[in-house]
Amino acid sequence: MRKNSDNNPTLLGTLYQLYVNKLGLLLLVLVIISGLLFFFGARDKDSIQGVIFIAVGGSLLASAVFSVLYIFITNINNYDLIQGLIQDENKSARLAVTSDIRSLFPEYMPTAIYSATKSMKSEFNFDITDSCESSHSYTFKGFSGKFVPIRIKNSKNSFTNVRLILANPSDTSSFYVTVRHMMSSQNQKSNGDYEKVQKDIVSDIFTCIIGLYQYCRFYCSSCKIVFWNDPIIDRYELFDDCVYITPFQKKNNRGFYFPQSTRYSLDSYIYDSSKRKAEAIFETNRDNVITMCGYGYTEDNLYADLKKLGANNVDEELIATHIEKIAELEQKLIGIGDTHQK
């Protein structure tokens, strides 16, 4: 019975066919001949003929073993090489087909797909950094946005309009989806503590607000934050020419701290839909908006807004703690361009 299909060969299948079907008979013949030479040589080992038989038999057996090992190693290397070439060709073909479809239907196809990963180094982070550097507007819809201030600062760009839609830290009833995602992530050391993860998210929201107060005065003409009470199950990051979407509820994102994301161009209906949703949220939640316009937004305003959002013991020590946290997050970006934000 065949162990592998010719249409779907594997390394073990290839080696099985190589040794059992092709080299097996030759190896068997060599072993039999070597055994016979050892046998007759041992019967007359005191004679020159016996010594020659033993020497030839030993050499023959050693040569057979060496040949088998050499062919085994060579075929493994060749298999890996050929497999790599086939995979590269398949990838090139897929990219070519996807590019053709994307050019025909730009309103439906994403311009990039970023795989879920546990590493902070990813194509998503570098691409979104490029978008920050070239865009004049930045709309973020997500839970905490703790990396948004650092993205804005690192871009060295002058934004005319920055808008954020964040979860309302004073109403944690909508946190369920994100908390569960964080708890399923292997990078999240929560030990199944729902309350701890929820508290960390609230702290991250305050970190974002304080970070925006620190940086947006220098890099943004206008910055508005709306706090939304409905569950936020997807993250949108909208720029002048594209939108990045990260769906947290997808099953294949479980176990990954940095979920799968997709990017759509300005021509996509997804871009237009995302923009309209953000505008609608701002329009219907005017009472939950913080507006930071340059130096007109003072430290007193910051303290008042943090208290309104449920922060306890708002004082210089609390602000200093979050500024220190921002500095720690910024250190993580050094050498990798940027990081995937939560």
C-alpha atoms as a PDB file:
ATOM      1  CA  MET A   1       0.000   0.000   0.000  1.00  0.00           C
ATOM      2  CA  ARG A   2       1.357   3.423  -0.940  1.00  0.00           C
ATOM      3  CA  LYS A   3       1.884   5.779   1.974  1.00  0.00           C
ATOM      4  CA  ASN A   4       1.899   8.989  -0.036  1.00  0.00           C
ATOM      5  CA  SER A   5       0.122  10.327  -3.065  1.00  0.00           C
ATOM      6  CA  ASP A   6       2.213  11.304  -6.102  1.00  0.00           C
ATOM      7  CA  ASN A   7       0.111  14.456  -6.379  1.00  0.00           C
ATOM      8  CA  ASN A   8       0.973  15.566  -2.840  1.00  0.00           C
ATOM      9  CA  PRO A   9       4.500  14.353  -1.982  1.00  0.00           C
ATOM     10  CA  THR A  10       6.001  14.913   1.427  1.00  0.00           C
ATOM     11  CA  LEU A  11       9.587  14.601   2.660  1.00  0.00           C
ATOM     12  CA  LEU A  12       8.892  11.249   4.309  1.00  0.00           C
ATOM     13  CA  GLY A  13       7.043  10.039   1.238  1.00  0.00           C
ATOM     14  CA  THR A  14       9.901  11.043  -1.044  1.00  0.00           C
ATOM     15  CA  LEU A  15      12.485   9.304   1.135  1.00  0.00           C
ATOM     16  CA  TYR A  16      10.241   6.225   1.413  1.00  0.00           C
ATOM     17  CA  GLN A  17       9.995   5.913  -2.358  1.00  0.00           C
ATOM     18  CA  LEU A  18      13.705   6.627  -2.774  1.00  0.00           C
ATOM     19  CA  TYR A  19      14.990   4.012  -0.344  1.00  0.00           C
ATOM     20  CA  VAL A  20      12.289   1.333  -0.347  1.00  0.00           C
ATOM     21  CA  ASN A  21      11.364   1.368  -4.031  1.00  0.00           C
ATOM     22  CA  LYS A  22      14.682   2.275  -5.677  1.00  0.00           C
ATOM     23  CA  LEU A  23      17.668   1.833  -3.364  1.00  0.00           C
ATOM     24  CA  GLY A  24      16.220  -0.861  -1.146  1.00  0.00           C
ATOM     25  CA  LEU A  25      17.006  -3.701  -3.563  1.00  0.00           C
ATOM     26  CA  LEU A  26      20.540  -2.453  -4.249  1.00  0.00           C
ATOM     27  CA  LEU A  27      21.230  -2.049  -0.534  1.00  0.00           C
ATOM     28  CA  LEU A  28      19.936  -5.558   0.122  1.00  0.00           C
ATOM     29  CA  VAL A  29      22.233  -6.995  -2.567  1.00  0.00           C
ATOM     30  CA  LEU A  30      25.247  -5.132  -1.133  1.00  0.00           C
ATOM     31  CA  VAL A  31      24.495  -6.338   2.392  1.00  0.00           C
ATOM     32  CA  ILE A  32      24.131  -9.960   1.179  1.00  0.00           C
ATOM     33  CA  ILE A  33      27.409  -9.797  -0.762  1.00  0.00           C
ATOM     34  CA  SER A  34      29.189  -8.187   2.174  1.00  0.00           C
ATOM     35  CA  GLY A  35      27.784 -10.861   4.534  1.00  0.00           C
ATOM     36  CA  LEU A  36      28.943 -13.661   2.239  1.00  0.00           C
ATOM     37  CA  LEU A  37      32.421 -12.167   2.043  1.00  0.00           C
ATOM     38  CA  PHE A  38      32.541 -11.903   5.846  1.00  0.00           C
ATOM     39  CA  PHE A  39      31.283 -15.500   6.143  1.00  0.00           C
ATOM     40  CA  PHE A  40      33.822 -17.063   3.750  1.00  0.00           C
ATOM     41  CA  GLY A  41      36.595 -14.823   5.032  1.00  0.00           C
ATOM     42  CA  ALA A  42      35.941 -15.868   8.631  1.00  0.00           C
ATOM     43  CA  ARG A  43      36.146 -19.581   7.646  1.00  0.00           C
ATOM     44  CA  ASP A  44      39.605 -19.081   6.235  1.00  0.00           C
ATOM     45  CA  LYS A  45      40.778 -16.033   8.166  1.00  0.00           C
ATOM     46  CA  ASP A  46      44.357 -17.287   8.519  1.00  0.00           C
ATOM     47  CA  SER A  47      44.921 -17.252   4.764  1.00  0.00           C
ATOM     48  CA  ILE A  48      45.530 -14.290   2.488  1.00  0.00           C
ATOM     49  CA  GLN A  49      42.315 -15.077   0.636  1.00  0.00           C
ATOM     50  CA  GLY A  50      40.306 -14.927   3.883  1.00  0.00           C
ATOM     51  CA  VAL A  51      41.844 -11.581   4.884  1.00  0.00           C
ATOM     52  CA  ILE A  52      41.038 -10.151   1.452  1.00  0.00           C
ATOM     53  CA  PHE A  53      37.419 -11.354   1.701  1.00  0.00           C
ATOM     54  CA  ILE A  54      36.993  -9.695   5.118  1.00  0.00           C
ATOM     55  CA  ALA A  55      38.640  -6.456   3.948  1.00  0.00           C
ATOM     56  CA  VAL A  56      36.553  -6.271   0.779  1.00  0.00           C
ATOM     57  CA  GLY A  57      33.373  -7.107   2.695  1.00  0.00           C
ATOM     58  CA  GLY A  58      34.081  -4.417   5.291  1.00  0.00           C
ATOM     59  CA  SER A  59      34.862  -1.822   2.646  1.00  0.00           C
ATOM     60  CA  LEU A  60      31.764  -2.724   0.703  1.00  0.00           C
ATOM     61  CA  LEU A  61      29.545  -2.420   3.781  1.00  0.00           C
ATOM     62  CA  ALA A  62      31.153   0.899   4.806  1.00  0.00           C
ATOM     63  CA  SER A  63      30.679   2.260   1.286  1.00  0.00           C
ATOM     64  CA  ALA A  64      27.032   1.232   1.275  1.00  0.00           C
ATOM     65  CA  VAL A  65      26.364   2.903   4.631  1.00  0.00           C
ATOM     66  CA  PHE A  66      28.181   6.092   3.530  1.00  0.00           C
ATOM     67  CA  SER A  67      26.251   6.201   0.255  1.00  0.00           C
ATOM     68  CA  VAL A  68      22.915   5.809   2.001  1.00  0.00           C
ATOM     69  CA  LEU A  69      23.692   8.603   4.501  1.00  0.00           C
ATOM     70  CA  TYR A  70      25.077  10.895   1.791  1.00  0.00           C
ATOM     71  CA  ILE A  71      22.049  10.428  -0.457  1.00  0.00           C
ATOM     72  CA  PHE A  72      19.730  10.914   2.556  1.00  0.00           C
ATOM     73  CA  ILE A  73      21.303  14.266   3.509  1.00  0.00           C
ATOM     74  CA  THR A  74      21.534  15.433  -0.107  1.00  0.00           C
ATOM     75  CA  ASN A  75      17.890  14.652  -0.800  1.00  0.00           C
ATOM     76  CA  ILE A  76      16.723  16.475   2.333  1.00  0.00           C
ATOM     77  CA  ASN A  77      18.579  19.614   1.196  1.00  0.00           C
ATOM     78  CA  ASN A  78      17.279  19.282  -2.352  1.00  0.00           C
ATOM     79  CA  TYR A  79      13.729  18.750  -1.080  1.00  0.00           C
ATOM     80  CA  ASP A  80      13.868  21.899   1.039  1.00  0.00           C
ATOM     81  CA  LEU A  81      15.288  23.879  -1.890  1.00  0.00           C
ATOM     82  CA  ILE A  82      12.659  22.680  -4.350  1.00  0.00           C
ATOM     83  CA  GLN A  83       9.863  23.149  -1.838  1.00  0.00           C
ATOM     84  CA  GLY A  84      11.035  26.722  -1.187  1.00  0.00           C
ATOM     85  CA  LEU A  85      11.113  27.490  -4.921  1.00  0.00           C
ATOM     86  CA  ILE A  86       7.596  26.092  -5.389  1.00  0.00           C
ATOM     87  CA  GLN A  87       6.270  28.121  -2.466  1.00  0.00           C
ATOM     88  CA  ASP A  88       7.872  31.286  -3.863  1.00  0.00           C
ATOM     89  CA  GLU A  89       6.317  30.653  -7.258  1.00  0.00           C
ATOM     90  CA  ASN A  90       2.902  30.023  -5.702  1.00  0.00           C
ATOM     91  CA  LYS A  91       3.176  33.211  -3.660  1.00  0.00           C
ATOM     92  CA  SER A  92       4.164  35.230  -6.743  1.00  0.00           C
ATOM     93  CA  ALA A  93       1.230  33.788  -8.673  1.00  0.00           C
ATOM     94  CA  ARG A  94      -1.219  34.587  -5.867  1.00  0.00           C
ATOM     95  CA  LEU A  95       0.087  38.135  -5.601  1.00  0.00           C
ATOM     96  CA  ALA A  96      -0.198  38.626  -9.353  1.00  0.00           C
ATOM     97  CA  VAL A  97      -3.795  37.333  -9.439  1.00  0.00           C
ATOM     98  CA  THR A  98      -4.749  39.396  -6.373  1.00  0.00           C
ATOM     99  CA  SER A  99      -3.182  42.498  -7.922  1.00  0.00           C
ATOM    100  CA  ASP A 100      -5.175  42.015 -11.120  1.00  0.00           C
ATOM    101  CA  ILE A 101      -8.444  41.559  -9.217  1.00  0.00           C
ATOM    102  CA  ARG A 102      -7.660  44.561  -7.012  1.00  0.00           C
ATOM    103  CA  SER A 103      -7.041  46.754 -10.058  1.00  0.00           C
ATOM    104  CA  LEU A 104     -10.395  45.694 -11.542  1.00  0.00           C
ATOM    105  CA  PHE A 105     -12.408  46.020  -8.307  1.00  0.00           C
ATOM    106  CA  PRO A 106     -10.601  48.535  -6.055  1.00  0.00           C
ATOM    107  CA  GLU A 107     -13.799  49.327  -4.167  1.00  0.00           C
ATOM    108  CA  TYR A 108     -14.047  45.777  -2.803  1.00  0.00           C
ATOM    109  CA  MET A 109     -10.506  44.426  -2.445  1.00  0.00           C
ATOM    110  CA  PRO A 110      -8.085  45.336   0.374  1.00  0.00           C
ATOM    111  CA  THR A 111      -4.734  46.775  -0.624  1.00  0.00           C
ATOM    112  CA  ALA A 112      -2.958  44.811   2.104  1.00  0.00           C
ATOM    113  CA  ILE A 113      -3.637  41.987   4.566  1.00  0.00           C
ATOM    114  CA  TYR A 114      -1.553  41.715   7.733  1.00  0.00           C
ATOM    115  CA  SER A 115      -1.401  38.351   9.455  1.00  0.00           C
ATOM    116  CA  ALA A 116      -2.023  38.005  13.179  1.00  0.00           C
ATOM    117  CA  THR A 117       1.214  37.925  15.127  1.00  0.00           C
ATOM    118  CA  LYS A 118       2.608  37.874  18.635  1.00  0.00           C
ATOM    119  CA  SER A 119       5.594  39.984  17.644  1.00  0.00           C
ATOM    120  CA  MET A 120       5.756  43.771  17.861  1.00  0.00           C
ATOM    121  CA  LYS A 121       7.711  43.809  14.601  1.00  0.00           C
ATOM    122  CA  SER A 122       5.228  43.599  11.747  1.00  0.00           C
ATOM    123  CA  GLU A 123       4.499  45.067   8.329  1.00  0.00           C
ATOM    124  CA  PHE A 124       1.362  46.636   9.753  1.00  0.00           C
ATOM    125  CA  ASN A 125       3.371  48.833  12.090  1.00  0.00           C
ATOM    126  CA  PHE A 126       5.705  50.102   9.412  1.00  0.00           C
ATOM    127  CA  ASP A 127       2.892  50.768   6.953  1.00  0.00           C
ATOM    128  CA  ILE A 128       0.765  52.643   9.462  1.00  0.00           C
ATOM    129  CA  THR A 129       3.811  54.739  10.377  1.00  0.00           C
ATOM    130  CA  ASP A 130       4.116  55.733   6.712  1.00  0.00           C
ATOM    131  CA  SER A 131       0.424  56.659   6.696  1.00  0.00           C
ATOM    132  CA  CYS A 132       0.903  58.849   9.775  1.00  0.00           C
ATOM    133  CA  GLU A 133       3.799  60.655   8.155  1.00  0.00           C
ATOM    134  CA  SER A 134       1.917  61.445   4.934  1.00  0.00           C
ATOM    135  CA  SER A 135      -1.605  62.169   6.204  1.00  0.00           C
ATOM    136  CA  HIS A 136      -3.137  65.393   7.526  1.00  0.00           C
ATOM    137  CA  SER A 137      -6.030  63.652   9.262  1.00  0.00           C
ATOM    138  CA  TYR A 138      -6.156  60.720  11.629  1.00  0.00           C
ATOM    139  CA  THR A 139      -9.359  59.147  12.933  1.00  0.00           C
ATOM    140  CA  PHE A 140      -9.015  56.326  15.426  1.00  0.00           C
ATOM    141  CA  LYS A 141     -11.849  54.107  16.661  1.00  0.00           C
ATOM    142  CA  GLY A 142     -10.818  51.560  19.251  1.00  0.00           C
ATOM    143  CA  PHE A 143     -10.762  50.807  22.927  1.00  0.00           C
ATOM    144  CA  SER A 144      -7.860  52.683  24.507  1.00  0.00           C
ATOM    145  CA  GLY A 145      -5.696  54.156  21.721  1.00  0.00           C
ATOM    146  CA  LYS A 146      -2.726  54.209  24.076  1.00  0.00           C
ATOM    147  CA  PHE A 147      -0.236  54.292  21.193  1.00  0.00           C
ATOM    148  CA  VAL A 148      -1.989  57.066  19.246  1.00  0.00           C
ATOM    149  CA  PRO A 149      -0.119  59.925  20.988  1.00  0.00           C
ATOM    150  CA  ILE A 150       3.204  58.211  20.319  1.00  0.00           C
ATOM    151  CA  ARG A 151       2.300  57.602  16.680  1.00  0.00           C
ATOM    152  CA  ILE A 152       1.454  61.291  16.319  1.00  0.00           C
ATOM    153  CA  LYS A 153       4.671  62.396  17.986  1.00  0.00           C
ATOM    154  CA  ASN A 154       6.922  59.998  16.060  1.00  0.00           C
ATOM    155  CA  SER A 155       5.407  60.949  12.710  1.00  0.00           C
ATOM    156  CA  LYS A 156       6.798  64.504  13.037  1.00  0.00           C
ATOM    157  CA  ASN A 157       3.757  65.481  11.019  1.00  0.00           C
ATOM    158  CA  SER A 158       1.362  68.411  11.430  1.00  0.00           C
ATOM    159  CA  PHE A 159      -2.181  67.063  11.616  1.00  0.00           C
ATOM    160  CA  THR A 160      -5.063  69.407  10.908  1.00  0.00           C
ATOM    161  CA  ASN A 161      -7.639  67.025  12.309  1.00  0.00           C
ATOM    162  CA  VAL A 162      -7.243  64.195  14.846  1.00  0.00           C
ATOM    163  CA  ARG A 163     -10.336  62.396  16.136  1.00  0.00           C
ATOM    164  CA  LEU A 164     -10.559  59.471  18.511  1.00  0.00           C
ATOM    165  CA  ILE A 165     -13.513  57.253  19.403  1.00  0.00           C
ATOM    166  CA  LEU A 166     -12.672  55.451  22.635  1.00  0.00           C
ATOM    167  CA  ALA A 167     -14.518  53.294  25.124  1.00  0.00           C
ATOM    168  CA  ASN A 168     -16.068  55.220  27.972  1.00  0.00           C
ATOM    169  CA  PRO A 169     -13.954  54.468  31.078  1.00  0.00           C
ATOM    170  CA  SER A 170     -16.834  55.490  33.320  1.00  0.00           C
ATOM    171  CA  ASP A 171     -19.045  52.739  31.842  1.00  0.00           C
ATOM    172  CA  THR A 172     -17.187  49.396  31.659  1.00  0.00           C
ATOM    173  CA  SER A 173     -20.266  47.359  30.655  1.00  0.00           C
ATOM    174  CA  SER A 174     -19.160  47.499  26.998  1.00  0.00           C
ATOM    175  CA  PHE A 175     -15.674  46.121  27.671  1.00  0.00           C
ATOM    176  CA  TYR A 176     -16.549  42.447  27.358  1.00  0.00           C
ATOM    177  CA  VAL A 177     -15.296  41.727  23.808  1.00  0.00           C
ATOM    178  CA  THR A 178     -11.917  43.395  24.227  1.00  0.00           C
ATOM    179  CA  VAL A 179     -11.326  42.013  27.715  1.00  0.00           C
ATOM    180  CA  ARG A 180     -12.012  38.494  26.477  1.00  0.00           C
ATOM    181  CA  HIS A 181      -9.643  39.017  23.551  1.00  0.00           C
ATOM    182  CA  MET A 182      -6.917  40.250  25.882  1.00  0.00           C
ATOM    183  CA  MET A 183      -7.431  37.302  28.207  1.00  0.00           C
ATOM    184  CA  SER A 184      -7.169  34.849  25.284  1.00  0.00           C
ATOM    185  CA  SER A 185      -3.876  36.409  24.192  1.00  0.00           C
ATOM    186  CA  GLN A 186      -0.839  34.444  25.301  1.00  0.00           C
ATOM    187  CA  ASN A 187       1.015  37.725  25.792  1.00  0.00           C
ATOM    188  CA  GLN A 188      -1.497  38.930  28.369  1.00  0.00           C
ATOM    189  CA  LYS A 189      -0.423  37.819  31.850  1.00  0.00           C
ATOM    190  CA  SER A 190      -3.849  38.193  33.405  1.00  0.00           C
ATOM    191  CA  ASN A 191      -4.170  34.680  34.836  1.00  0.00           C
ATOM    192  CA  GLY A 192      -7.858  34.803  33.939  1.00  0.00           C
ATOM    193  CA  ASP A 193      -8.477  37.900  36.079  1.00  0.00           C
ATOM    194  CA  TYR A 194     -11.264  39.754  34.241  1.00  0.00           C
ATOM    195  CA  GLU A 195     -11.263  42.673  36.666  1.00  0.00           C
ATOM    196  CA  LYS A 196      -7.517  43.195  36.298  1.00  0.00           C
ATOM    197  CA  VAL A 197      -7.657  43.321  32.492  1.00  0.00           C
ATOM    198  CA  GLN A 198     -10.623  45.703  32.637  1.00  0.00           C
ATOM    199  CA  LYS A 199      -8.744  47.968  35.050  1.00  0.00           C
ATOM    200  CA  ASP A 200      -5.689  47.944  32.773  1.00  0.00           C
ATOM    201  CA  ILE A 201      -7.822  49.043  29.811  1.00  0.00           C
ATOM    202  CA  VAL A 202      -9.254  51.957  31.818  1.00  0.00           C
ATOM    203  CA  SER A 203      -5.714  52.952  32.770  1.00  0.00           C
ATOM    204  CA  ASP A 204      -4.675  52.777  29.095  1.00  0.00           C
ATOM    205  CA  ILE A 205      -7.516  55.142  28.165  1.00  0.00           C
ATOM    206  CA  PHE A 206      -6.278  57.681  30.704  1.00  0.00           C
ATOM    207  CA  THR A 207      -2.749  57.215  29.360  1.00  0.00           C
ATOM    208  CA  CYS A 208      -4.028  58.058  25.876  1.00  0.00           C
ATOM    209  CA  ILE A 209      -5.784  61.225  27.083  1.00  0.00           C
ATOM    210  CA  ILE A 210      -2.744  62.466  28.999  1.00  0.00           C
ATOM    211  CA  GLY A 211      -0.468  61.583  26.065  1.00  0.00           C
ATOM    212  CA  LEU A 212      -2.643  63.577  23.688  1.00  0.00           C
ATOM    213  CA  TYR A 213      -2.506  66.507  26.092  1.00  0.00           C
ATOM    214  CA  GLN A 214       1.296  66.256  26.038  1.00  0.00           C
ATOM    215  CA  TYR A 215       1.804  65.953  22.275  1.00  0.00           C
ATOM    216  CA  CYS A 216      -1.265  67.122  20.341  1.00  0.00           C
ATOM    217  CA  ARG A 217      -0.712  70.724  21.338  1.00  0.00           C
ATOM    218  CA  PHE A 218       2.457  70.639  19.226  1.00  0.00           C
ATOM    219  CA  TYR A 219       1.409  68.401  16.335  1.00  0.00           C
ATOM    220  CA  CYS A 220      -2.372  68.895  15.886  1.00  0.00           C
ATOM    221  CA  SER A 221      -4.479  71.896  14.949  1.00  0.00           C
ATOM    222  CA  SER A 222      -7.536  70.165  16.360  1.00  0.00           C
ATOM    223  CA  CYS A 223      -7.982  67.034  18.450  1.00  0.00           C
ATOM    224  CA  LYS A 224     -11.324  65.648  19.564  1.00  0.00           C
ATOM    225  CA  ILE A 225     -12.063  62.571  21.673  1.00  0.00           C
ATOM    226  CA  VAL A 226     -15.513  61.037  21.951  1.00  0.00           C
ATOM    227  CA  PHE A 227     -16.304  58.383  24.561  1.00  0.00           C
ATOM    228  CA  TRP A 228     -18.681  55.747  23.268  1.00  0.00           C
ATOM    229  CA  ASN A 229     -20.820  53.515  25.462  1.00  0.00           C
ATOM    230  CA  ASP A 230     -21.551  50.861  22.824  1.00  0.00           C
ATOM    231  CA  PRO A 231     -19.255  47.800  22.510  1.00  0.00           C
ATOM    232  CA  ILE A 232     -16.291  48.402  20.219  1.00  0.00           C
ATOM    233  CA  ILE A 233     -15.576  45.124  18.442  1.00  0.00           C
ATOM    234  CA  ASP A 234     -13.452  46.437  15.558  1.00  0.00           C
ATOM    235  CA  ARG A 235     -10.651  48.971  15.381  1.00  0.00           C
ATOM    236  CA  TYR A 236     -10.563  51.547  12.584  1.00  0.00           C
ATOM    237  CA  GLU A 237      -7.636  53.839  11.789  1.00  0.00           C
ATOM    238  CA  LEU A 238      -8.601  56.271   9.079  1.00  0.00           C
ATOM    239  CA  PHE A 239      -6.118  58.444   7.162  1.00  0.00           C
ATOM    240  CA  ASP A 240      -6.313  60.685   4.090  1.00  0.00           C
ATOM    241  CA  ASP A 241      -5.872  57.858   1.597  1.00  0.00           C
ATOM    242  CA  CYS A 242      -6.583  54.586   3.431  1.00  0.00           C
ATOM    243  CA  VAL A 243      -8.191  52.862   6.405  1.00  0.00           C
ATOM    244  CA  TYR A 244      -6.801  50.029   8.555  1.00  0.00           C
ATOM    245  CA  ILE A 245      -9.375  47.656  10.070  1.00  0.00           C
ATOM    246  CA  THR A 246      -8.753  45.130  12.833  1.00  0.00           C
ATOM    247  CA  PRO A 247     -11.689  42.846  13.761  1.00  0.00           C
ATOM    248  CA  PHE A 248     -11.125  41.582  17.311  1.00  0.00           C
ATOM    249  CA  GLN A 249     -14.024  39.124  17.308  1.00  0.00           C
ATOM    250  CA  LYS A 250     -12.607  36.856  14.555  1.00  0.00           C
ATOM    251  CA  LYS A 251     -11.767  33.382  15.862  1.00  0.00           C
ATOM    252  CA  ASN A 252      -8.404  33.199  14.095  1.00  0.00           C
ATOM    253  CA  ASN A 253      -7.271  36.250  16.096  1.00  0.00           C
ATOM    254  CA  ARG A 254      -7.559  34.415  19.396  1.00  0.00           C
ATOM    255  CA  GLY A 255      -4.232  33.756  21.064  1.00  0.00           C
ATOM    256  CA  PHE A 256      -2.541  36.626  19.176  1.00  0.00           C
ATOM    257  CA  TYR A 257      -1.813  39.893  20.925  1.00  0.00           C
ATOM    258  CA  PHE A 258      -1.680  41.673  17.544  1.00  0.00           C
ATOM    259  CA  PRO A 259      -4.723  40.546  15.495  1.00  0.00           C
ATOM    260  CA  GLN A 260      -5.060  40.242  11.744  1.00  0.00           C
ATOM    261  CA  SER A 261      -5.636  43.587  10.017  1.00  0.00           C
ATOM    262  CA  THR A 262      -6.559  44.744   6.532  1.00  0.00           C
ATOM    263  CA  ARG A 263      -5.993  48.017   4.675  1.00  0.00           C
ATOM    264  CA  TYR A 264      -8.406  49.553   2.171  1.00  0.00           C
ATOM    265  CA  SER A 265      -7.741  52.441  -0.183  1.00  0.00           C
ATOM    266  CA  LEU A 266      -9.572  55.729  -0.546  1.00  0.00           C
ATOM    267  CA  ASP A 267     -11.497  54.259  -3.511  1.00  0.00           C
ATOM    268  CA  SER A 268     -12.965  51.459  -1.408  1.00  0.00           C
ATOM    269  CA  TYR A 269     -16.531  51.551  -0.167  1.00  0.00           C
ATOM    270  CA  ILE A 270     -15.093  50.334   3.171  1.00  0.00           C
ATOM    271  CA  TYR A 271     -13.226  53.641   3.462  1.00  0.00           C
ATOM    272  CA  ASP A 272     -16.345  55.656   2.778  1.00  0.00           C
ATOM    273  CA  SER A 273     -18.396  53.533   5.178  1.00  0.00           C
ATOM    274  CA  SER A 274     -15.806  53.876   7.964  1.00  0.00           C
ATOM    275  CA  LYS A 275     -15.667  57.638   7.525  1.00  0.00           C
ATOM    276  CA  ARG A 276     -19.443  57.965   7.637  1.00  0.00           C
ATOM    277  CA  LYS A 277     -19.678  55.816  10.792  1.00  0.00           C
ATOM    278  CA  ALA A 278     -17.091  57.961  12.572  1.00  0.00           C
ATOM    279  CA  GLU A 279     -18.900  61.156  11.617  1.00  0.00           C
ATOM    280  CA  ALA A 280     -22.205  59.719  12.840  1.00  0.00           C
ATOM    281  CA  ILE A 281     -20.718  58.739  16.198  1.00  0.00           C
ATOM    282  CA  PHE A 282     -19.335  62.245  16.744  1.00  0.00           C
ATOM    283  CA  GLU A 283     -22.635  63.778  15.713  1.00  0.00           C
ATOM    284  CA  THR A 284     -24.710  61.665  18.127  1.00  0.00           C
ATOM    285  CA  ASN A 285     -22.309  61.886  21.106  1.00  0.00           C
ATOM    286  CA  ARG A 286     -21.617  65.599  21.330  1.00  0.00           C
ATOM    287  CA  ASP A 287     -22.005  65.590  25.094  1.00  0.00           C
ATOM    288  CA  ASN A 288     -19.166  63.075  25.534  1.00  0.00           C
ATOM    289  CA  VAL A 289     -16.508  64.944  23.545  1.00  0.00           C
ATOM    290  CA  ILE A 290     -13.216  66.388  24.760  1.00  0.00           C
ATOM    291  CA  THR A 291     -11.742  69.027  22.468  1.00  0.00           C
ATOM    292  CA  MET A 292      -8.036  69.849  22.670  1.00  0.00           C
ATOM    293  CA  CYS A 293      -7.150  72.890  20.553  1.00  0.00           C
ATOM    294  CA  GLY A 294      -3.557  73.933  21.036  1.00  0.00           C
ATOM    295  CA  TYR A 295      -2.741  75.734  24.275  1.00  0.00           C
ATOM    296  CA  GLY A 296      -6.384  76.624  24.821  1.00  0.00           C
ATOM    297  CA  TYR A 297      -6.791  73.258  26.537  1.00  0.00           C
ATOM    298  CA  THR A 298      -5.113  73.724  29.917  1.00  0.00           C
ATOM    299  CA  GLU A 299      -4.011  71.424  32.698  1.00  0.00           C
ATOM    300  CA  ASP A 300      -7.092  72.441  34.678  1.00  0.00           C
ATOM    301  CA  ASN A 301      -9.252  71.251  31.783  1.00  0.00           C
ATOM    302  CA  LEU A 302      -7.358  67.949  31.767  1.00  0.00           C
ATOM    303  CA  TYR A 303      -7.891  67.420  35.508  1.00  0.00           C
ATOM    304  CA  ALA A 304     -11.606  68.211  35.212  1.00  0.00           C
ATOM    305  CA  ASP A 305     -12.122  65.826  32.275  1.00  0.00           C
ATOM    306  CA  LEU A 306     -10.257  62.963  33.981  1.00  0.00           C
ATOM    307  CA  LYS A 307     -12.424  63.339  37.070  1.00  0.00           C
ATOM    308  CA  LYS A 308     -15.555  63.402  34.921  1.00  0.00           C
ATOM    309  CA  LEU A 309     -14.435  60.117  33.340  1.00  0.00           C
ATOM    310  CA  GLY A 310     -14.060  58.430  36.710  1.00  0.00           C
ATOM    311  CA  ALA A 311     -10.360  58.822  37.453  1.00  0.00           C
ATOM    312  CA  ASN A 312      -9.586  58.715  41.179  1.00  0.00           C
ATOM    313  CA  ASN A 313      -7.163  61.004  42.992  1.00  0.00           C
ATOM    314  CA  VAL A 314      -6.374  63.187  39.992  1.00  0.00           C
ATOM    315  CA  ASP A 315      -3.210  65.049  40.921  1.00  0.00           C
ATOM    316  CA  GLU A 316       0.348  65.662  39.743  1.00  0.00           C
ATOM    317  CA  GLU A 317       1.404  62.199  40.918  1.00  0.00           C
ATOM    318  CA  LEU A 318      -1.241  60.515  38.754  1.00  0.00           C
ATOM    319  CA  ILE A 319      -0.231  62.587  35.718  1.00  0.00           C
ATOM    320  CA  ALA A 320       3.448  61.792  36.329  1.00  0.00           C
ATOM    321  CA  THR A 321       2.654  58.066  36.548  1.00  0.00           C
ATOM    322  CA  HIS A 322       0.952  58.082  33.151  1.00  0.00           C
ATOM    323  CA  ILE A 323       3.678  60.211  31.575  1.00  0.00           C
ATOM    324  CA  GLU A 324       6.184  57.634  32.786  1.00  0.00           C
ATOM    325  CA  LYS A 325       4.042  54.908  31.240  1.00  0.00           C
ATOM    326  CA  ILE A 326       4.011  56.816  27.942  1.00  0.00           C
ATOM    327  CA  ALA A 327       7.801  57.003  28.046  1.00  0.00           C
ATOM    328  CA  GLU A 328       7.984  53.237  28.584  1.00  0.00           C
ATOM    329  CA  LEU A 329       5.674  52.609  25.628  1.00  0.00           C
ATOM    330  CA  GLU A 330       7.756  54.930  23.486  1.00  0.00           C
ATOM    331  CA  GLN A 331      10.899  52.992  24.372  1.00  0.00           C
ATOM    332  CA  LYS A 332       9.304  49.877  22.903  1.00  0.00           C
ATOM    333  CA  LEU A 333       9.115  51.640  19.546  1.00  0.00           C
ATOM    334  CA  ILE A 334      12.826  52.336  19.328  1.00  0.00           C
ATOM    335  CA  GLY A 335      14.411  50.264  16.586  1.00  0.00           C
ATOM    336  CA  ILE A 336      11.186  48.885  15.137  1.00  0.00           C
ATOM    337  CA  GLY A 337       9.549  52.015  13.776  1.00  0.00           C
ATOM    338  CA  ASP A 338       6.244  51.627  15.522  1.00  0.00           C
ATOM    339  CA  THR A 339       4.014  49.144  17.305  1.00  0.00           C
ATOM    340  CA  HIS A 340       0.536  47.736  17.007  1.00  0.00           C
ATOM    341  CA  GLN A 341      -1.762  49.627  19.310  1.00  0.00           C
ATOM    342  CA  LYS A 342      -4.564  48.317  21.414  1.00  0.00           C
END
